[in-house]
Amino acid sequence: MVKRKRPNYHASFMVERSPISKQSSRNKNKEIEQIRGKALSEKQARTGTQVHQNGQTGGHGSASEDLSDSQVHHNSQTSGNRNAAQDLSGISITSKRKRGPTKLQSIHKQIEPIQVDFNPDGEAIAQGGKALGQYIGYLSRDSSVMPLNFDDWRQVPVDVKQEIRNLLEAKFIINWVVGGRWVNEKLAHRWRNRKSALKTKYYESRNDEETINGLKNEVGENQWDWLVKFWESEKGQERSATSKVNRSKLKTNHTAGTKSFARIRDELQSNDPEGKEPNMITMFTVTHTKKNGQPVDSNSREAINQVNELVNQQPNASKDQIFNQVVGEHTKSTLTYGHGIRRVDVFGTQSFRNESLKMLEEERSRRQAAENELKNMQEEMNGVKSTLAEVLKYVRAQNEANAIETFDS
């Protein structure tokens, strides 16, 4: 017998929520149809007999008979549905449950901090980078940690940002010199996305008192009122209009999903036999192609075709230059390098990339030295354990020999 949960009164279409498997749900649906069909057939049979008897007795005209048949059919459907509804009163009906936001139980249960690796551009990569990005998204949904009542992320007080840094350092090992800028960019990006999501989901339905009361409990009444006031202000409306214009300029969509371009770039480089970093053409093709091998949209298909055509015509030219020639050079950001990476970081004369490479190499050397030292210590401990086991074995044999000698004497 399936144990039923408490009813959910917030959903009018739900009688009761209970864990029903797909097969069980299909069986229930079949039973419902059978009950409805049986009830309808029985009612039609009873009412049909009654009409026949009335016809023999009264002899009404054809128009009356048509009306009677119509009435009988309508009444039989209504009665059949009512009987079926009565028979279905004990059957629970459930709606499909949607997946909520991740709670990151694996990170919360982690005892030791997670090591985060960064690439030369200061972007978090590998599994540590994935976990860090997820945890930043988790923090952004807590308005007590990342308050929303500020125009710009740069206006958030320093003590609030320091508390966020303390939370991150409790869960992760971060090289702030190399990855500090990326972490701050990620925090700002997630913070803005959170405000945008709240506006999209709740702002238009703010007349729904029950919904807004629940939202105020989630983000705080003062913060929600501040957000509404800002969105309705001239500055907020101008910013919204600017964002819509910028969004309309985006001509292509990527297929990377939640995986960052930095992680994809790192995986491609790791899988390359020579360990070479993928060029911009390769990155664009990988991130704008679906699983079936087709480009994600017509603009992506056109760009890929033009790039490949120029590569065939100019085999000795730089593929990055060809890509920029076709797609266009962005003045600030750099396509295929991920969020927050500027052209000057990749192609400029600044030494950030070289300094990052130097620091990352030193960090890898220190980590490798620590791992080697730990390995040597473990080998020494294993040797001591083996020696101690031999000594104990020898002592035990001597004791047994002495005991036998004493017994014989």
Protein backbone atom coordinates (compact mmCIF):
# COMPACT_ATOMS: atom_id res chain seq x y z
CA MET A 1 0.00 0.00 0.00
CA VAL A 2 1.36 3.41 -1.01
CA LYS A 3 1.60 5.87 1.82
CA ARG A 4 0.00 9.13 0.78
CA LYS A 5 1.44 12.51 1.57
CA ARG A 6 -0.45 15.51 2.90
CA PRO A 7 -2.63 17.32 0.32
CA ASN A 8 -1.23 20.36 -1.43
CA TYR A 9 -3.96 22.99 -1.13
CA HIS A 10 -2.03 25.52 -3.18
CA ALA A 11 -2.77 23.70 -6.42
CA SER A 12 -6.48 23.55 -7.25
CA PHE A 13 -5.96 20.85 -9.86
CA MET A 14 -4.37 18.46 -7.37
CA VAL A 15 -6.39 16.20 -5.12
CA GLU A 16 -3.45 14.71 -3.39
CA ARG A 17 0.25 14.24 -4.05
CA SER A 18 1.47 10.71 -3.92
CA PRO A 19 4.50 8.98 -5.42
CA ILE A 20 3.11 7.05 -8.40
CA SER A 21 5.35 5.36 -10.93
CA LYS A 22 4.86 5.84 -14.68
CA GLN A 23 3.44 2.33 -15.13
CA SER A 24 1.06 2.78 -12.19
CA SER A 25 -0.06 6.14 -13.58
CA ARG A 26 -0.87 4.56 -16.96
CA ASN A 27 -2.88 1.82 -15.23
CA LYS A 28 -4.84 4.45 -13.30
CA ASN A 29 -5.64 6.30 -16.52
CA LYS A 30 -6.93 3.09 -18.09
CA GLU A 31 -9.11 2.42 -15.05
CA ILE A 32 -10.53 5.95 -15.27
CA GLU A 33 -11.47 5.52 -18.95
CA GLN A 34 -13.05 2.12 -18.28
CA ILE A 35 -15.16 3.48 -15.40
CA ARG A 36 -16.31 6.46 -17.44
CA GLY A 37 -17.19 4.30 -20.46
CA LYS A 38 -19.08 1.75 -18.36
CA ALA A 39 -21.09 4.41 -16.52
CA LEU A 40 -21.95 6.20 -19.77
CA SER A 41 -23.07 2.97 -21.50
CA GLU A 42 -25.31 1.95 -18.59
CA LYS A 43 -26.94 5.37 -18.44
CA GLN A 44 -27.53 5.45 -22.20
CA ALA A 45 -29.11 2.00 -22.05
CA ARG A 46 -31.49 3.03 -19.24
CA THR A 47 -32.51 6.34 -20.82
CA GLY A 48 -32.88 4.74 -24.27
CA THR A 49 -35.42 2.23 -22.94
CA GLN A 50 -37.36 5.03 -21.26
CA VAL A 51 -37.55 7.01 -24.52
CA HIS A 52 -38.81 3.95 -26.40
CA GLN A 53 -41.63 3.42 -23.87
CA ASN A 54 -42.61 7.08 -23.95
CA GLY A 55 -42.74 6.94 -27.75
CA GLN A 56 -45.21 4.01 -27.70
CA THR A 57 -47.45 5.70 -25.14
CA GLY A 58 -47.45 9.35 -26.20
CA GLY A 59 -46.70 9.22 -29.92
CA HIS A 60 -45.02 12.61 -30.04
CA GLY A 61 -44.01 14.25 -33.34
CA SER A 62 -40.65 13.91 -34.98
CA ALA A 63 -39.48 17.27 -33.71
CA SER A 64 -40.28 16.26 -30.13
CA GLU A 65 -38.54 12.93 -30.62
CA ASP A 66 -35.38 14.65 -31.90
CA LEU A 67 -35.42 17.00 -28.95
CA SER A 68 -35.96 14.09 -26.57
CA ASP A 69 -33.06 12.13 -28.08
CA SER A 70 -30.86 15.18 -27.82
CA GLN A 71 -31.87 15.70 -24.21
CA VAL A 72 -31.28 12.06 -23.36
CA HIS A 73 -27.81 12.10 -24.91
CA HIS A 74 -26.90 15.28 -23.02
CA ASN A 75 -28.31 14.02 -19.74
CA SER A 76 -26.62 10.65 -20.14
CA GLN A 77 -23.25 12.33 -20.68
CA THR A 78 -23.77 14.58 -17.66
CA SER A 79 -24.93 11.74 -15.46
CA GLY A 80 -22.18 9.44 -16.72
CA ASN A 81 -19.53 12.01 -15.97
CA ARG A 82 -21.05 12.58 -12.53
CA ASN A 83 -21.08 8.85 -11.77
CA ALA A 84 -17.53 8.50 -13.05
CA ALA A 85 -16.47 11.42 -10.89
CA GLN A 86 -18.03 9.72 -7.88
CA ASP A 87 -16.20 6.50 -8.67
CA LEU A 88 -12.93 8.45 -9.06
CA SER A 89 -13.17 10.23 -5.75
CA GLY A 90 -10.66 7.85 -4.16
CA ILE A 91 -8.08 8.11 -6.94
CA SER A 92 -5.25 10.62 -6.49
CA ILE A 93 -4.19 12.84 -9.39
CA THR A 94 -0.71 14.27 -9.47
CA SER A 95 1.03 16.87 -11.61
CA LYS A 96 4.55 16.54 -12.96
CA ARG A 97 7.02 17.87 -10.44
CA LYS A 98 9.56 20.33 -11.80
CA ARG A 99 13.20 20.31 -10.79
CA GLY A 100 14.02 23.12 -8.38
CA PRO A 101 17.32 24.97 -7.93
CA THR A 102 20.27 22.81 -6.96
CA LYS A 103 21.16 22.70 -3.26
CA LEU A 104 24.75 21.53 -3.88
CA GLN A 105 24.67 18.86 -1.18
CA SER A 106 27.95 17.39 -2.45
CA ILE A 107 29.76 20.70 -1.84
CA HIS A 108 28.18 21.25 1.56
CA LYS A 109 29.24 17.77 2.63
CA GLN A 110 32.81 18.32 1.45
CA ILE A 111 35.20 18.20 4.40
CA GLU A 112 38.33 19.47 2.67
CA PRO A 113 38.29 22.64 0.49
CA ILE A 114 38.08 22.02 -3.26
CA GLN A 115 41.13 22.96 -5.31
CA VAL A 116 40.25 25.37 -8.16
CA ASP A 117 42.50 25.46 -11.23
CA PHE A 118 42.72 28.51 -13.50
CA ASN A 119 43.87 28.93 -17.08
CA PRO A 120 46.34 31.64 -18.19
CA ASP A 121 43.42 34.06 -18.70
CA GLY A 122 42.45 33.69 -15.05
CA GLU A 123 39.29 31.63 -15.75
CA ALA A 124 38.32 28.74 -13.50
CA ILE A 125 38.50 25.36 -15.26
CA ALA A 126 38.13 21.61 -14.63
CA GLN A 127 35.83 20.17 -11.96
CA GLY A 128 36.95 22.69 -9.36
CA GLY A 129 35.94 25.52 -11.66
CA LYS A 130 32.58 23.90 -12.30
CA ALA A 131 31.91 23.55 -8.56
CA LEU A 132 32.99 27.15 -7.91
CA GLY A 133 30.64 28.48 -10.59
CA GLN A 134 27.75 26.45 -9.18
CA TYR A 135 28.45 27.65 -5.65
CA ILE A 136 28.52 31.31 -6.76
CA GLY A 137 25.11 30.75 -8.38
CA TYR A 138 23.89 29.20 -5.14
CA LEU A 139 25.04 32.23 -3.12
CA SER A 140 23.41 34.65 -5.56
CA ARG A 141 19.99 33.22 -4.69
CA ASP A 142 20.46 34.22 -1.03
CA SER A 143 19.67 37.94 -0.76
CA SER A 144 21.01 38.02 2.79
CA VAL A 145 24.45 37.13 1.39
CA MET A 146 24.26 39.07 -1.89
CA PRO A 147 21.77 41.93 -1.34
CA LEU A 148 19.91 43.18 -4.39
CA ASN A 149 19.10 46.77 -3.41
CA PHE A 150 22.00 48.40 -5.28
CA ASP A 151 22.18 49.90 -8.77
CA ASP A 152 25.54 48.35 -9.58
CA TRP A 153 27.68 45.53 -8.22
CA ARG A 154 30.46 48.04 -7.64
CA GLN A 155 28.20 49.81 -5.13
CA VAL A 156 27.91 46.73 -2.90
CA PRO A 157 29.80 47.49 0.34
CA VAL A 158 33.30 46.10 0.78
CA ASP A 159 32.40 44.29 4.01
CA VAL A 160 29.64 42.39 2.16
CA LYS A 161 32.08 41.31 -0.54
CA GLN A 162 34.61 40.28 2.11
CA GLU A 163 31.99 38.06 3.76
CA ILE A 164 31.29 36.46 0.37
CA ARG A 165 35.02 35.87 -0.06
CA ASN A 166 35.16 34.22 3.37
CA LEU A 167 32.33 31.87 2.34
CA LEU A 168 34.17 30.96 -0.86
CA GLU A 169 37.47 30.37 0.94
CA ALA A 170 35.72 28.04 3.38
CA LYS A 171 34.81 25.74 0.47
CA PHE A 172 37.53 26.33 -2.14
CA ILE A 173 41.27 26.88 -2.52
CA ILE A 174 41.50 29.92 -4.82
CA ASN A 175 44.54 31.67 -6.22
CA TRP A 176 43.18 35.20 -5.93
CA VAL A 177 46.11 36.77 -7.76
CA VAL A 178 45.35 34.77 -10.92
CA GLY A 179 41.60 34.19 -10.61
CA GLY A 180 40.42 37.08 -8.46
CA ARG A 181 39.13 39.14 -11.38
CA TRP A 182 37.22 36.19 -12.83
CA VAL A 183 35.59 35.44 -9.46
CA ASN A 184 34.48 39.06 -9.10
CA GLU A 185 33.14 39.08 -12.69
CA LYS A 186 31.26 35.85 -12.00
CA LEU A 187 29.74 37.23 -8.80
CA ALA A 188 28.58 40.38 -10.60
CA HIS A 189 27.19 38.35 -13.51
CA ARG A 190 25.21 36.01 -11.27
CA TRP A 191 23.99 38.95 -9.17
CA ARG A 192 22.61 40.70 -12.26
CA ASN A 193 21.05 37.49 -13.55
CA ARG A 194 19.27 37.02 -10.24
CA LYS A 195 17.67 40.45 -10.46
CA SER A 196 16.72 39.85 -14.08
CA ALA A 197 15.11 36.50 -13.21
CA LEU A 198 13.06 38.06 -10.41
CA LYS A 199 11.85 40.79 -12.73
CA THR A 200 10.86 38.35 -15.45
CA LYS A 201 9.10 35.95 -13.11
CA TYR A 202 7.40 38.22 -10.58
CA TYR A 203 7.35 41.85 -11.71
CA GLU A 204 4.52 41.43 -14.23
CA SER A 205 2.41 39.47 -11.70
CA ARG A 206 3.04 41.78 -8.76
CA ASN A 207 -0.72 42.29 -8.30
CA ASP A 208 -0.95 38.69 -7.11
CA GLU A 209 -0.81 39.35 -3.35
CA GLU A 210 -0.10 35.75 -2.34
CA THR A 211 2.81 35.43 -4.79
CA ILE A 212 4.36 38.73 -3.80
CA ASN A 213 4.06 37.96 -0.08
CA GLY A 214 5.96 34.71 -0.65
CA LEU A 215 8.54 36.56 -2.71
CA LYS A 216 9.01 39.20 -0.01
CA ASN A 217 9.74 36.43 2.47
CA GLU A 218 12.36 35.09 0.06
CA VAL A 219 14.21 38.29 -0.85
CA GLY A 220 13.05 40.60 1.94
CA GLU A 221 10.29 43.19 1.72
CA ASN A 222 12.66 46.16 1.68
CA GLN A 223 14.75 44.71 -1.16
CA TRP A 224 11.69 43.84 -3.27
CA ASP A 225 10.19 47.30 -2.82
CA TRP A 226 13.54 48.83 -3.78
CA LEU A 227 13.73 46.68 -6.91
CA VAL A 228 10.20 47.63 -8.02
CA LYS A 229 10.94 51.30 -7.44
CA PHE A 230 14.17 51.06 -9.46
CA TRP A 231 12.56 49.17 -12.35
CA GLU A 232 9.84 51.82 -12.60
CA SER A 233 12.32 54.70 -12.42
CA GLU A 234 13.62 56.50 -15.51
CA LYS A 235 17.11 55.09 -14.94
CA GLY A 236 15.81 51.53 -14.64
CA GLN A 237 13.71 51.81 -17.79
CA GLU A 238 16.62 53.27 -19.76
CA ARG A 239 18.87 50.43 -18.63
CA SER A 240 16.21 47.88 -19.60
CA ALA A 241 15.86 49.43 -23.06
CA THR A 242 19.63 49.40 -23.56
CA SER A 243 19.83 45.75 -22.53
CA LYS A 244 17.09 44.82 -24.99
CA VAL A 245 18.93 46.58 -27.82
CA ASN A 246 22.20 44.83 -26.93
CA ARG A 247 20.42 41.47 -26.74
CA SER A 248 18.89 42.01 -30.17
CA LYS A 249 22.39 42.37 -31.64
CA LEU A 250 23.22 38.79 -30.70
CA LYS A 251 22.95 36.90 -33.99
CA THR A 252 24.06 33.41 -32.95
CA ASN A 253 23.30 31.03 -30.08
CA HIS A 254 25.77 28.60 -28.55
CA THR A 255 25.22 24.97 -27.54
CA ALA A 256 27.57 24.90 -24.54
CA GLY A 257 24.75 24.99 -22.01
CA THR A 258 26.00 25.62 -18.47
CA LYS A 259 29.58 24.59 -19.29
CA SER A 260 31.84 27.61 -19.61
CA PHE A 261 33.89 28.23 -22.75
CA ALA A 262 37.01 28.16 -20.57
CA ARG A 263 36.28 24.58 -19.49
CA ILE A 264 35.54 23.54 -23.08
CA ARG A 265 38.80 25.14 -24.24
CA ASP A 266 40.72 23.35 -21.48
CA GLU A 267 39.16 19.97 -22.38
CA LEU A 268 39.99 20.42 -26.07
CA GLN A 269 43.58 21.31 -25.21
CA SER A 270 43.88 18.32 -22.85
CA ASN A 271 42.59 15.96 -25.56
CA ASP A 272 44.91 17.39 -28.22
CA PRO A 273 47.87 15.02 -28.86
CA GLU A 274 50.30 17.95 -28.89
CA GLY A 275 48.56 19.84 -26.09
CA LYS A 276 47.86 22.83 -28.32
CA GLU A 277 45.28 25.44 -27.38
CA PRO A 278 42.30 25.37 -29.80
CA ASN A 279 42.00 28.31 -32.17
CA MET A 280 38.92 30.53 -32.37
CA ILE A 281 37.52 28.69 -35.42
CA THR A 282 37.60 25.35 -33.59
CA MET A 283 36.01 26.86 -30.48
CA PHE A 284 33.24 28.55 -32.47
CA THR A 285 32.49 25.36 -34.41
CA VAL A 286 32.36 23.18 -31.28
CA THR A 287 30.20 25.60 -29.29
CA HIS A 288 27.78 26.37 -32.13
CA THR A 289 27.12 22.85 -33.40
CA LYS A 290 24.41 20.50 -32.16
CA LYS A 291 24.94 16.86 -31.25
CA ASN A 292 23.80 15.76 -34.71
CA GLY A 293 26.66 17.73 -36.26
CA GLN A 294 24.47 20.54 -37.64
CA PRO A 295 25.01 24.23 -36.79
CA VAL A 296 22.63 25.55 -34.15
CA ASP A 297 21.15 28.26 -36.41
CA SER A 298 21.43 29.75 -39.89
CA ASN A 299 23.82 32.55 -38.84
CA SER A 300 26.19 30.03 -37.27
CA ARG A 301 26.03 27.86 -40.40
CA GLU A 302 26.84 30.84 -42.62
CA ALA A 303 29.78 31.90 -40.41
CA ILE A 304 31.23 28.37 -40.28
CA ASN A 305 30.95 27.97 -44.05
CA GLN A 306 32.60 31.35 -44.72
CA VAL A 307 35.42 30.62 -42.28
CA ASN A 308 36.15 27.20 -43.78
CA GLU A 309 36.12 28.67 -47.29
CA LEU A 310 38.69 31.32 -46.33
CA VAL A 311 40.86 28.73 -44.58
CA ASN A 312 41.01 26.73 -47.82
CA GLN A 313 41.84 29.86 -49.78
CA GLN A 314 44.46 31.11 -47.29
CA PRO A 315 46.10 28.00 -45.78
CA ASN A 316 49.04 29.97 -44.35
CA ALA A 317 46.96 32.71 -42.70
CA SER A 318 46.25 32.82 -38.96
CA LYS A 319 42.97 31.10 -38.22
CA ASP A 320 42.20 33.60 -35.46
CA GLN A 321 42.62 36.45 -37.95
CA ILE A 322 40.36 34.68 -40.43
CA PHE A 323 37.74 34.20 -37.74
CA ASN A 324 37.84 37.87 -36.78
CA GLN A 325 37.64 38.80 -40.44
CA VAL A 326 34.40 36.84 -40.89
CA VAL A 327 32.66 37.23 -37.53
CA GLY A 328 33.97 40.71 -36.73
CA GLU A 329 36.32 42.00 -34.07
CA HIS A 330 34.69 43.01 -30.81
CA THR A 331 36.17 46.11 -29.26
CA LYS A 332 36.07 44.81 -25.69
CA SER A 333 35.07 41.17 -25.35
CA THR A 334 36.55 38.30 -27.32
CA LEU A 335 34.33 35.62 -28.85
CA THR A 336 35.04 31.99 -27.85
CA TYR A 337 37.09 33.04 -24.79
CA GLY A 338 34.24 33.28 -22.32
CA HIS A 339 32.66 35.97 -20.20
CA GLY A 340 34.82 38.86 -19.04
CA ILE A 341 37.86 38.17 -21.25
CA ARG A 342 38.91 41.26 -23.21
CA ARG A 343 40.75 41.38 -26.52
CA VAL A 344 43.65 43.12 -24.84
CA ASP A 345 43.98 40.14 -22.47
CA VAL A 346 44.48 37.72 -25.34
CA PHE A 347 46.00 39.73 -28.21
CA GLY A 348 47.25 42.87 -26.48
CA THR A 349 50.71 43.77 -25.25
CA GLN A 350 49.80 43.47 -21.58
CA SER A 351 51.80 40.92 -19.66
CA PHE A 352 48.88 39.54 -17.63
CA ARG A 353 48.82 36.26 -19.55
CA ASN A 354 52.58 35.82 -19.21
CA GLU A 355 52.49 36.64 -15.52
CA SER A 356 49.57 34.26 -15.02
CA LEU A 357 51.41 31.48 -16.84
CA LYS A 358 54.46 32.05 -14.65
CA MET A 359 52.43 32.00 -11.43
CA LEU A 360 50.41 28.97 -12.52
CA GLU A 361 53.60 27.11 -13.36
CA GLU A 362 55.07 27.98 -9.96
CA GLU A 363 51.86 26.86 -8.28
CA ARG A 364 51.89 23.56 -10.18
CA SER A 365 55.54 23.04 -9.21
CA ARG A 366 54.77 23.66 -5.53
CA ARG A 367 51.78 21.35 -5.68
CA GLN A 368 53.81 18.65 -7.43
CA ALA A 369 56.59 19.01 -4.86
CA ALA A 370 54.07 18.68 -2.03
CA GLU A 371 52.52 15.60 -3.64
CA ASN A 372 55.97 14.03 -4.12
CA GLU A 373 56.87 14.76 -0.50
CA LEU A 374 53.62 13.22 0.68
CA LYS A 375 54.25 10.18 -1.50
CA ASN A 376 57.75 9.78 -0.07
CA MET A 377 56.41 10.06 3.47
CA GLN A 378 53.80 7.40 2.73
CA GLU A 379 56.48 5.10 1.29
CA GLU A 380 58.64 5.66 4.38
CA MET A 381 55.69 4.91 6.65
CA ASN A 382 54.95 1.75 4.69
CA GLY A 383 58.60 0.74 5.10
CA VAL A 384 58.45 1.37 8.85
CA LYS A 385 55.26 -0.65 9.10
CA SER A 386 56.85 -3.53 7.20
CA THR A 387 59.95 -3.45 9.44
CA LEU A 388 57.80 -3.30 12.56
CA ALA A 389 55.76 -6.27 11.35
CA GLU A 390 58.97 -8.28 10.82
CA VAL A 391 60.20 -7.37 14.31
CA LEU A 392 56.89 -8.37 15.89
CA LYS A 393 56.95 -11.61 13.96
CA TYR A 394 60.51 -12.36 15.19
CA VAL A 395 59.64 -11.50 18.81
CA ARG A 396 56.53 -13.66 18.67
CA ALA A 397 58.56 -16.61 17.32
CA GLN A 398 61.20 -16.16 20.07
CA ASN A 399 58.52 -16.09 22.74
CA GLU A 400 56.95 -19.26 21.38
CA ALA A 401 60.38 -20.97 21.29
CA ASN A 402 61.16 -19.95 24.86
CA ALA A 403 57.78 -21.18 26.01
CA ILE A 404 58.32 -24.60 24.42
CA GLU A 405 61.83 -24.86 25.91
CA THR A 406 60.53 -24.02 29.37
CA PHE A 407 57.73 -26.58 29.04
CA ASP A 408 60.15 -29.34 27.96
CA SER A 409 62.52 -28.65 30.83
